[in-house]
Amino acid sequence: MSGKELVEKIVPNMTQADALGAFFASCNQPDTLNTHADGVLPQLAELYYKLSDPITQDQAEALRALAMREIPFDEVQIWLSKMPMSRHDYLHWKDLPKGIFPENDVEASRNDAKLQQSAEGEYGAHPEEPGVCPNCQQPLTWIWFSSPGWTWEKLCGRAGWLAICDHCRLQVKFDLVVMN
C-alpha cells in the first residue's frame, strides 16, 4: 500500500490510539512524512496528549495533511493547543495581525533603555507574572510600551505594561496605565 492509501485510513471518530497507529503506519513511506529525516520524531508524543478521543473531523484532516507533508508539524501542534478552536478558525486566526500595536513602535519602546528604567522607577515592575504565550507556550516578557510622540500630540497616546512573546512576537496583553 502507498503512503497516500495508508493516510486515507485516518478518519473522524477513530479512537485516539487507532488514529495515531494509522498515522504512524502512513509515515516513512516514499510519499509521506519521514519522521526521522524531518526532525519531528521527538515531538510526535505530544500528539497523544493533544488529540481528543475519538478524534474529530478537523483532527483527522490535520493528521492526513501532516502525514502528506502539506502542513508543517509546528502548525499542527499550535492548532491542537488551541482546541476546541476548529482548524478553519485556527487558519483564520494565525493570519491575523500579531499585535495590539505596530511592531516597530513596540520594538522602539523595548529598545529604549531610558524609557524602560524610568517606567520601572515611576510605576514599579509589573505586579503579575507574565504567564505563557497562548500560541507557543513560551514565557512572556513584560515591557513598558509608550506610543510614539505624535500620538501624544494628537491626544491619543497610550502607555502601559505590554506582555509579549519573544519567540513568536505575539503581543498578548496590554495593561493601560497612562493615556491622553
N, C-alpha and C. Protein backbone atom coordinates (compact mmCIF):
# COMPACT_ATOMS: atom_id res chain seq x y z
N MET A 1 0.84 -1.19 0.00
CA MET A 1 0.00 0.00 0.00
C MET A 1 0.88 1.25 0.00
N SER A 2 0.46 2.26 -0.74
CA SER A 2 1.22 3.50 -0.76
C SER A 2 0.94 4.31 0.51
N GLY A 3 1.80 5.27 0.76
CA GLY A 3 1.60 6.13 1.91
C GLY A 3 0.28 6.87 1.84
N LYS A 4 -0.10 7.33 0.64
CA LYS A 4 -1.36 8.05 0.47
C LYS A 4 -2.55 7.15 0.82
N GLU A 5 -2.50 5.90 0.41
CA GLU A 5 -3.59 4.97 0.75
C GLU A 5 -3.66 4.73 2.25
N LEU A 6 -2.50 4.67 2.89
CA LEU A 6 -2.48 4.49 4.35
C LEU A 6 -3.01 5.75 5.06
N VAL A 7 -2.68 6.92 4.53
CA VAL A 7 -3.15 8.17 5.12
C VAL A 7 -4.67 8.26 5.08
N GLU A 8 -5.27 7.77 4.00
CA GLU A 8 -6.73 7.82 3.86
C GLU A 8 -7.45 7.00 4.92
N LYS A 9 -6.74 6.14 5.63
CA LYS A 9 -7.35 5.35 6.70
C LYS A 9 -7.55 6.15 7.98
N ILE A 10 -7.00 7.36 8.02
CA ILE A 10 -7.18 8.23 9.19
C ILE A 10 -8.51 8.96 8.99
N VAL A 11 -9.51 8.60 9.78
CA VAL A 11 -10.85 9.14 9.60
C VAL A 11 -11.41 9.63 10.94
N PRO A 12 -12.40 10.52 10.89
CA PRO A 12 -13.02 11.00 12.13
C PRO A 12 -13.65 9.87 12.92
N ASN A 13 -13.75 10.07 14.20
CA ASN A 13 -14.37 9.15 15.15
C ASN A 13 -13.55 7.90 15.43
N MET A 14 -12.32 7.85 14.91
CA MET A 14 -11.41 6.76 15.30
C MET A 14 -10.98 7.02 16.74
N THR A 15 -10.66 5.97 17.44
CA THR A 15 -10.08 6.20 18.76
C THR A 15 -8.73 6.89 18.56
N GLN A 16 -8.32 7.57 19.59
CA GLN A 16 -7.03 8.26 19.53
C GLN A 16 -5.91 7.26 19.20
N ALA A 17 -5.92 6.11 19.84
CA ALA A 17 -4.89 5.09 19.61
C ALA A 17 -4.92 4.59 18.17
N ASP A 18 -6.10 4.33 17.63
CA ASP A 18 -6.19 3.85 16.25
C ASP A 18 -5.74 4.92 15.25
N ALA A 19 -6.12 6.16 15.52
CA ALA A 19 -5.73 7.26 14.64
C ALA A 19 -4.21 7.43 14.62
N LEU A 20 -3.60 7.39 15.80
CA LEU A 20 -2.14 7.51 15.86
C LEU A 20 -1.46 6.30 15.22
N GLY A 21 -2.04 5.12 15.40
CA GLY A 21 -1.50 3.94 14.75
C GLY A 21 -1.54 4.08 13.23
N ALA A 22 -2.66 4.55 12.70
CA ALA A 22 -2.78 4.76 11.25
C ALA A 22 -1.82 5.85 10.78
N PHE A 23 -1.68 6.90 11.58
CA PHE A 23 -0.75 7.97 11.23
C PHE A 23 0.68 7.44 11.14
N PHE A 24 1.11 6.72 12.18
CA PHE A 24 2.48 6.19 12.19
C PHE A 24 2.69 5.18 11.06
N ALA A 25 1.67 4.38 10.75
CA ALA A 25 1.79 3.40 9.66
C ALA A 25 1.96 4.11 8.32
N SER A 26 1.35 5.31 8.18
CA SER A 26 1.44 6.03 6.91
C SER A 26 2.76 6.79 6.76
N CYS A 27 3.43 7.05 7.86
CA CYS A 27 4.69 7.82 7.81
C CYS A 27 5.84 6.94 7.31
N ASN A 28 6.89 7.61 6.91
CA ASN A 28 8.14 6.99 6.47
C ASN A 28 7.97 6.17 5.18
N GLN A 29 6.97 6.51 4.39
CA GLN A 29 6.79 5.95 3.06
C GLN A 29 7.42 6.94 2.07
N PRO A 30 7.67 6.54 0.85
CA PRO A 30 8.31 7.46 -0.10
C PRO A 30 7.56 8.78 -0.30
N ASP A 31 6.23 8.76 -0.16
CA ASP A 31 5.45 9.97 -0.43
C ASP A 31 4.86 10.61 0.83
N THR A 32 5.36 10.24 2.01
CA THR A 32 4.81 10.80 3.26
C THR A 32 5.91 11.30 4.17
N LEU A 33 5.49 11.84 5.30
CA LEU A 33 6.38 12.40 6.30
C LEU A 33 7.41 11.36 6.74
N ASN A 34 8.67 11.75 6.71
CA ASN A 34 9.73 10.90 7.23
C ASN A 34 10.01 11.40 8.64
N THR A 35 9.56 10.66 9.62
CA THR A 35 9.64 11.13 11.00
C THR A 35 11.08 11.28 11.49
N HIS A 36 12.00 10.59 10.87
CA HIS A 36 13.41 10.69 11.27
C HIS A 36 14.07 11.88 10.56
N ALA A 37 13.98 11.92 9.25
CA ALA A 37 14.65 12.96 8.46
C ALA A 37 14.01 14.34 8.66
N ASP A 38 12.70 14.39 8.87
CA ASP A 38 12.04 15.68 9.02
C ASP A 38 12.16 16.23 10.44
N GLY A 39 12.83 15.51 11.32
CA GLY A 39 13.13 16.01 12.66
C GLY A 39 11.95 16.13 13.60
N VAL A 40 10.90 15.38 13.39
CA VAL A 40 9.73 15.51 14.25
C VAL A 40 9.55 14.35 15.21
N LEU A 41 10.37 13.33 15.11
CA LEU A 41 10.20 12.15 15.96
C LEU A 41 10.07 12.49 17.44
N PRO A 42 10.94 13.35 18.00
CA PRO A 42 10.80 13.65 19.43
C PRO A 42 9.49 14.36 19.78
N GLN A 43 8.90 15.05 18.84
CA GLN A 43 7.68 15.82 19.11
C GLN A 43 6.40 15.03 18.92
N LEU A 44 6.50 13.87 18.31
CA LEU A 44 5.29 13.10 17.98
C LEU A 44 4.51 12.65 19.20
N ALA A 45 5.19 12.44 20.32
CA ALA A 45 4.49 12.02 21.53
C ALA A 45 3.47 13.06 21.98
N GLU A 46 3.72 14.32 21.65
CA GLU A 46 2.78 15.39 22.04
C GLU A 46 1.42 15.22 21.37
N LEU A 47 1.39 14.59 20.21
CA LEU A 47 0.10 14.36 19.56
C LEU A 47 -0.84 13.56 20.46
N TYR A 48 -0.27 12.60 21.15
CA TYR A 48 -1.07 11.75 22.03
C TYR A 48 -1.81 12.58 23.08
N TYR A 49 -1.15 13.59 23.62
CA TYR A 49 -1.73 14.39 24.69
C TYR A 49 -2.69 15.46 24.18
N LYS A 50 -2.62 15.77 22.90
CA LYS A 50 -3.42 16.87 22.38
C LYS A 50 -4.63 16.44 21.55
N LEU A 51 -4.64 15.21 21.07
CA LEU A 51 -5.79 14.75 20.29
C LEU A 51 -6.93 14.34 21.20
N SER A 52 -8.15 14.57 20.74
CA SER A 52 -9.30 14.10 21.51
C SER A 52 -9.49 12.60 21.25
N ASP A 53 -10.35 12.00 22.05
CA ASP A 53 -10.61 10.57 21.89
C ASP A 53 -12.12 10.36 21.94
N PRO A 54 -12.76 10.09 20.81
CA PRO A 54 -12.23 9.84 19.48
C PRO A 54 -11.81 11.15 18.80
N ILE A 55 -11.08 11.02 17.69
CA ILE A 55 -10.61 12.22 17.00
C ILE A 55 -11.74 12.85 16.21
N THR A 56 -11.62 14.15 15.99
CA THR A 56 -12.64 14.90 15.25
C THR A 56 -12.32 14.90 13.76
N GLN A 57 -13.26 15.42 12.98
CA GLN A 57 -13.05 15.59 11.53
C GLN A 57 -11.82 16.48 11.29
N ASP A 58 -11.74 17.61 12.00
CA ASP A 58 -10.60 18.52 11.86
C ASP A 58 -9.28 17.84 12.20
N GLN A 59 -9.29 17.06 13.27
CA GLN A 59 -8.06 16.38 13.68
C GLN A 59 -7.64 15.33 12.64
N ALA A 60 -8.61 14.60 12.10
CA ALA A 60 -8.30 13.61 11.06
C ALA A 60 -7.69 14.31 9.84
N GLU A 61 -8.29 15.43 9.43
CA GLU A 61 -7.77 16.18 8.28
C GLU A 61 -6.36 16.69 8.55
N ALA A 62 -6.13 17.19 9.76
CA ALA A 62 -4.80 17.70 10.12
C ALA A 62 -3.77 16.58 10.12
N LEU A 63 -4.11 15.42 10.66
CA LEU A 63 -3.18 14.29 10.66
C LEU A 63 -2.86 13.83 9.24
N ARG A 64 -3.89 13.79 8.39
CA ARG A 64 -3.65 13.40 7.00
C ARG A 64 -2.75 14.42 6.29
N ALA A 65 -3.03 15.70 6.50
CA ALA A 65 -2.21 16.75 5.86
C ALA A 65 -0.78 16.72 6.39
N LEU A 66 -0.62 16.46 7.67
CA LEU A 66 0.71 16.36 8.25
C LEU A 66 1.46 15.17 7.66
N ALA A 67 0.81 14.03 7.60
CA ALA A 67 1.46 12.84 7.05
C ALA A 67 1.85 13.03 5.59
N MET A 68 1.07 13.80 4.85
CA MET A 68 1.37 14.04 3.43
C MET A 68 2.31 15.24 3.23
N ARG A 69 2.79 15.81 4.32
CA ARG A 69 3.72 16.95 4.31
C ARG A 69 3.10 18.20 3.67
N GLU A 70 1.78 18.35 3.82
CA GLU A 70 1.10 19.52 3.28
C GLU A 70 1.13 20.68 4.26
N ILE A 71 1.32 20.39 5.53
CA ILE A 71 1.44 21.43 6.56
C ILE A 71 2.58 21.05 7.49
N PRO A 72 3.23 22.06 8.09
CA PRO A 72 4.33 21.76 8.99
C PRO A 72 3.84 21.25 10.35
N PHE A 73 4.67 20.46 10.98
CA PHE A 73 4.32 19.86 12.26
C PHE A 73 4.02 20.94 13.31
N ASP A 74 4.81 22.01 13.32
CA ASP A 74 4.60 23.09 14.29
C ASP A 74 3.19 23.67 14.19
N GLU A 75 2.69 23.79 12.97
CA GLU A 75 1.34 24.35 12.79
C GLU A 75 0.29 23.43 13.42
N VAL A 76 0.45 22.13 13.26
CA VAL A 76 -0.49 21.18 13.86
C VAL A 76 -0.43 21.28 15.39
N GLN A 77 0.77 21.35 15.94
CA GLN A 77 0.92 21.46 17.39
C GLN A 77 0.26 22.73 17.92
N ILE A 78 0.48 23.84 17.25
CA ILE A 78 -0.10 25.11 17.71
C ILE A 78 -1.62 25.02 17.65
N TRP A 79 -2.15 24.52 16.53
CA TRP A 79 -3.60 24.42 16.41
C TRP A 79 -4.17 23.50 17.49
N LEU A 80 -3.56 22.35 17.70
CA LEU A 80 -4.07 21.43 18.72
C LEU A 80 -4.03 22.05 20.11
N SER A 81 -3.07 22.92 20.37
CA SER A 81 -3.01 23.57 21.67
C SER A 81 -4.13 24.60 21.83
N LYS A 82 -4.79 24.96 20.75
CA LYS A 82 -5.88 25.94 20.79
C LYS A 82 -7.25 25.27 20.81
N MET A 83 -7.29 23.97 20.93
CA MET A 83 -8.57 23.26 20.95
C MET A 83 -9.45 23.86 22.03
N PRO A 84 -10.73 24.02 21.84
CA PRO A 84 -11.53 23.42 20.78
C PRO A 84 -11.69 24.30 19.53
N MET A 85 -10.75 25.21 19.26
CA MET A 85 -10.83 26.03 18.06
C MET A 85 -10.81 25.10 16.84
N SER A 86 -11.73 25.31 15.92
CA SER A 86 -11.74 24.47 14.72
C SER A 86 -10.51 24.79 13.88
N ARG A 87 -10.15 23.87 13.03
CA ARG A 87 -8.99 24.10 12.17
C ARG A 87 -9.24 25.29 11.25
N HIS A 88 -10.45 25.43 10.75
CA HIS A 88 -10.81 26.57 9.90
C HIS A 88 -10.60 27.88 10.66
N ASP A 89 -11.10 27.94 11.91
CA ASP A 89 -10.92 29.15 12.71
C ASP A 89 -9.46 29.40 13.02
N TYR A 90 -8.70 28.33 13.27
CA TYR A 90 -7.27 28.49 13.53
C TYR A 90 -6.56 29.08 12.31
N LEU A 91 -6.86 28.57 11.12
CA LEU A 91 -6.21 29.08 9.91
C LEU A 91 -6.51 30.56 9.73
N HIS A 92 -7.71 30.99 10.08
CA HIS A 92 -8.05 32.41 10.04
C HIS A 92 -7.28 33.16 11.12
N TRP A 93 -7.25 32.62 12.35
CA TRP A 93 -6.58 33.27 13.48
C TRP A 93 -5.10 33.46 13.22
N LYS A 94 -4.43 32.44 12.66
CA LYS A 94 -2.97 32.52 12.51
C LYS A 94 -2.57 33.59 11.50
N ASP A 95 -3.49 34.01 10.64
CA ASP A 95 -3.18 35.05 9.67
C ASP A 95 -3.54 36.46 10.15
N LEU A 96 -4.10 36.55 11.35
CA LEU A 96 -4.42 37.86 11.90
C LEU A 96 -3.14 38.60 12.31
N PRO A 97 -3.19 39.92 12.39
CA PRO A 97 -2.02 40.66 12.88
C PRO A 97 -1.63 40.16 14.26
N LYS A 98 -0.36 40.19 14.56
CA LYS A 98 0.15 39.61 15.79
C LYS A 98 0.19 40.58 16.96
N GLY A 99 -0.43 41.73 16.84
CA GLY A 99 -0.30 42.62 17.96
C GLY A 99 -1.38 43.66 18.11
N ILE A 100 -1.29 44.30 19.23
CA ILE A 100 -2.18 45.38 19.58
C ILE A 100 -1.65 46.68 18.97
N PHE A 101 -0.32 46.80 18.96
CA PHE A 101 0.37 47.99 18.46
C PHE A 101 1.31 47.60 17.33
N PRO A 102 1.65 48.57 16.47
CA PRO A 102 2.61 48.26 15.40
C PRO A 102 3.93 47.75 16.00
N GLU A 103 4.46 46.69 15.39
CA GLU A 103 5.67 46.06 15.93
C GLU A 103 6.85 47.02 16.00
N ASN A 104 6.97 47.93 15.03
CA ASN A 104 8.07 48.90 15.06
C ASN A 104 7.99 49.78 16.30
N ASP A 105 6.77 50.19 16.67
CA ASP A 105 6.58 51.02 17.87
C ASP A 105 6.91 50.23 19.13
N VAL A 106 6.53 48.97 19.16
CA VAL A 106 6.82 48.11 20.31
C VAL A 106 8.33 47.94 20.46
N GLU A 107 9.01 47.65 19.35
CA GLU A 107 10.46 47.47 19.42
C GLU A 107 11.17 48.75 19.81
N ALA A 108 10.67 49.90 19.36
CA ALA A 108 11.27 51.17 19.75
C ALA A 108 11.17 51.37 21.26
N SER A 109 10.02 51.06 21.83
CA SER A 109 9.84 51.17 23.28
C SER A 109 10.74 50.16 23.99
N ARG A 110 10.72 48.95 23.52
CA ARG A 110 11.50 47.88 24.16
C ARG A 110 13.00 48.20 24.17
N ASN A 111 13.50 48.76 23.08
CA ASN A 111 14.93 49.04 22.96
C ASN A 111 15.34 50.37 23.58
N ASP A 112 14.39 51.11 24.11
CA ASP A 112 14.68 52.39 24.76
C ASP A 112 14.96 52.12 26.24
N ALA A 113 16.24 51.92 26.57
CA ALA A 113 16.63 51.58 27.94
C ALA A 113 16.19 52.66 28.93
N LYS A 114 16.30 53.91 28.54
CA LYS A 114 15.91 55.02 29.42
C LYS A 114 14.41 54.95 29.73
N LEU A 115 13.61 54.68 28.72
CA LEU A 115 12.16 54.55 28.91
C LEU A 115 11.85 53.40 29.86
N GLN A 116 12.49 52.24 29.65
CA GLN A 116 12.24 51.07 30.49
C GLN A 116 12.63 51.34 31.95
N GLN A 117 13.77 51.99 32.16
CA GLN A 117 14.22 52.30 33.52
C GLN A 117 13.31 53.32 34.20
N SER A 118 12.93 54.37 33.46
CA SER A 118 12.08 55.39 34.07
C SER A 118 10.69 54.83 34.41
N ALA A 119 10.18 53.93 33.56
CA ALA A 119 8.87 53.33 33.84
C ALA A 119 8.92 52.49 35.11
N GLU A 120 9.97 51.68 35.25
CA GLU A 120 10.09 50.87 36.47
C GLU A 120 10.27 51.76 37.69
N GLY A 121 11.01 52.86 37.53
CA GLY A 121 11.19 53.78 38.65
C GLY A 121 9.90 54.48 39.05
N GLU A 122 9.11 54.87 38.06
CA GLU A 122 7.88 55.61 38.33
C GLU A 122 6.70 54.71 38.67
N TYR A 123 6.58 53.58 37.97
CA TYR A 123 5.39 52.73 38.14
C TYR A 123 5.71 51.39 38.80
N GLY A 124 6.98 51.08 38.96
CA GLY A 124 7.36 49.79 39.52
C GLY A 124 7.24 48.70 38.47
N ALA A 125 7.82 47.55 38.75
CA ALA A 125 7.72 46.43 37.82
C ALA A 125 6.27 45.95 37.78
N HIS A 126 5.89 45.32 36.69
CA HIS A 126 4.52 44.83 36.58
C HIS A 126 4.27 43.82 37.70
N PRO A 127 3.16 43.95 38.43
CA PRO A 127 2.94 43.12 39.61
C PRO A 127 2.60 41.65 39.34
N GLU A 128 2.13 41.32 38.17
CA GLU A 128 1.72 39.93 37.93
C GLU A 128 2.73 39.20 37.06
N GLU A 129 2.78 37.90 37.24
CA GLU A 129 3.65 37.07 36.40
C GLU A 129 3.14 37.19 34.96
N PRO A 130 4.04 37.22 34.01
CA PRO A 130 3.59 37.40 32.63
C PRO A 130 2.85 36.20 32.05
N GLY A 131 3.11 35.00 32.56
CA GLY A 131 2.44 33.81 32.03
C GLY A 131 3.14 33.27 30.81
N VAL A 132 2.40 32.50 30.00
CA VAL A 132 2.96 31.90 28.81
C VAL A 132 2.15 32.30 27.59
N CYS A 133 2.79 32.24 26.46
CA CYS A 133 2.16 32.60 25.19
C CYS A 133 1.08 31.58 24.84
N PRO A 134 -0.10 32.02 24.46
CA PRO A 134 -1.15 31.08 24.06
C PRO A 134 -0.84 30.42 22.72
N ASN A 135 0.10 30.97 22.00
CA ASN A 135 0.47 30.44 20.69
C ASN A 135 1.51 29.34 20.78
N CYS A 136 2.61 29.60 21.53
CA CYS A 136 3.73 28.65 21.53
C CYS A 136 4.10 28.13 22.92
N GLN A 137 3.41 28.60 23.94
CA GLN A 137 3.63 28.16 25.33
C GLN A 137 4.97 28.61 25.91
N GLN A 138 5.66 29.55 25.26
CA GLN A 138 6.91 30.10 25.79
C GLN A 138 6.58 31.19 26.81
N PRO A 139 7.49 31.45 27.76
CA PRO A 139 7.24 32.51 28.75
C PRO A 139 7.11 33.87 28.08
N LEU A 140 6.23 34.70 28.64
CA LEU A 140 6.04 36.06 28.15
C LEU A 140 6.97 37.02 28.90
N THR A 141 7.19 38.17 28.29
CA THR A 141 8.01 39.22 28.89
C THR A 141 7.17 40.49 28.97
N TRP A 142 7.20 41.15 30.14
CA TRP A 142 6.54 42.45 30.27
C TRP A 142 7.54 43.53 29.87
N ILE A 143 7.11 44.47 29.02
CA ILE A 143 7.90 45.65 28.71
C ILE A 143 7.00 46.86 28.91
N TRP A 144 7.62 48.01 29.12
CA TRP A 144 6.85 49.26 29.17
C TRP A 144 6.72 49.75 27.75
N PHE A 145 5.48 49.93 27.31
CA PHE A 145 5.22 50.44 25.96
C PHE A 145 4.68 51.86 26.07
N SER A 146 5.21 52.72 25.24
CA SER A 146 4.68 54.08 25.11
C SER A 146 4.52 54.35 23.62
N SER A 147 3.33 54.76 23.22
CA SER A 147 3.08 55.03 21.81
C SER A 147 3.96 56.20 21.35
N PRO A 148 4.18 56.33 20.04
CA PRO A 148 5.07 57.38 19.52
C PRO A 148 4.61 58.79 19.89
N GLY A 149 5.56 59.72 19.84
CA GLY A 149 5.29 61.11 20.22
C GLY A 149 4.10 61.74 19.52
N TRP A 150 3.93 61.44 18.24
CA TRP A 150 2.83 62.05 17.51
C TRP A 150 1.47 61.66 18.09
N THR A 151 1.36 60.46 18.69
CA THR A 151 0.08 60.05 19.28
C THR A 151 -0.25 60.89 20.51
N TRP A 152 0.78 61.28 21.24
CA TRP A 152 0.57 62.14 22.41
C TRP A 152 0.19 63.54 21.96
N GLU A 153 0.81 64.02 20.88
CA GLU A 153 0.47 65.33 20.33
C GLU A 153 -0.97 65.38 19.83
N LYS A 154 -1.46 64.28 19.30
CA LYS A 154 -2.84 64.19 18.76
C LYS A 154 -3.84 63.76 19.83
N LEU A 155 -3.39 63.70 21.08
CA LEU A 155 -4.23 63.33 22.23
C LEU A 155 -4.80 61.91 22.13
N CYS A 156 -3.99 61.02 21.58
CA CYS A 156 -4.39 59.61 21.53
C CYS A 156 -3.25 58.70 21.99
N GLY A 157 -2.37 59.24 22.83
CA GLY A 157 -1.23 58.47 23.32
C GLY A 157 -1.64 57.43 24.34
N ARG A 158 -0.87 56.37 24.39
CA ARG A 158 -1.11 55.27 25.32
C ARG A 158 0.24 54.80 25.86
N ALA A 159 0.25 54.43 27.14
CA ALA A 159 1.45 53.84 27.74
C ALA A 159 1.00 52.84 28.80
N GLY A 160 1.80 51.82 28.98
CA GLY A 160 1.49 50.81 29.99
C GLY A 160 2.33 49.59 29.78
N TRP A 161 2.04 48.56 30.57
CA TRP A 161 2.79 47.31 30.51
C TRP A 161 2.21 46.41 29.41
N LEU A 162 3.10 45.90 28.58
CA LEU A 162 2.72 45.06 27.45
C LEU A 162 3.43 43.71 27.59
N ALA A 163 2.65 42.63 27.62
CA ALA A 163 3.21 41.28 27.68
C ALA A 163 3.38 40.78 26.26
N ILE A 164 4.62 40.41 25.91
CA ILE A 164 4.90 39.94 24.56
C ILE A 164 5.65 38.61 24.61
N CYS A 165 5.51 37.87 23.53
CA CYS A 165 6.25 36.61 23.38
C CYS A 165 7.48 36.89 22.53
N ASP A 166 8.64 36.63 23.09
CA ASP A 166 9.88 36.85 22.36
C ASP A 166 10.05 35.83 21.23
N HIS A 167 9.41 34.68 21.37
CA HIS A 167 9.57 33.61 20.38
C HIS A 167 8.75 33.88 19.11
N CYS A 168 7.45 34.13 19.26
CA CYS A 168 6.61 34.29 18.07
C CYS A 168 6.16 35.73 17.85
N ARG A 169 6.64 36.65 18.67
CA ARG A 169 6.41 38.09 18.52
C ARG A 169 4.95 38.49 18.73
N LEU A 170 4.19 37.68 19.41
CA LEU A 170 2.79 37.95 19.67
C LEU A 170 2.66 38.88 20.87
N GLN A 171 1.84 39.91 20.75
CA GLN A 171 1.52 40.81 21.86
C GLN A 171 0.27 40.24 22.52
N VAL A 172 0.38 39.83 23.78
CA VAL A 172 -0.68 39.06 24.41
C VAL A 172 -1.59 39.92 25.28
N LYS A 173 -1.03 40.84 26.05
CA LYS A 173 -1.84 41.59 26.99
C LYS A 173 -1.26 42.98 27.17
N PHE A 174 -2.13 43.98 27.25
CA PHE A 174 -1.70 45.35 27.50
C PHE A 174 -2.47 45.89 28.70
N ASP A 175 -1.71 46.33 29.71
CA ASP A 175 -2.31 46.96 30.90
C ASP A 175 -2.08 48.46 30.77
N LEU A 176 -3.11 49.18 30.38
CA LEU A 176 -3.04 50.61 30.19
C LEU A 176 -2.82 51.30 31.53
N VAL A 177 -1.83 52.19 31.58
CA VAL A 177 -1.52 52.94 32.80
C VAL A 177 -1.73 54.43 32.57
N VAL A 178 -1.32 54.92 31.39
CA VAL A 178 -1.39 56.34 31.08
C VAL A 178 -2.00 56.51 29.70
N MET A 179 -2.91 57.49 29.57
CA MET A 179 -3.43 57.85 28.26
C MET A 179 -3.81 59.32 28.26
N ASN A 180 -3.86 59.90 27.07
CA ASN A 180 -4.34 61.29 26.99
C ASN A 180 -5.40 61.43 25.94
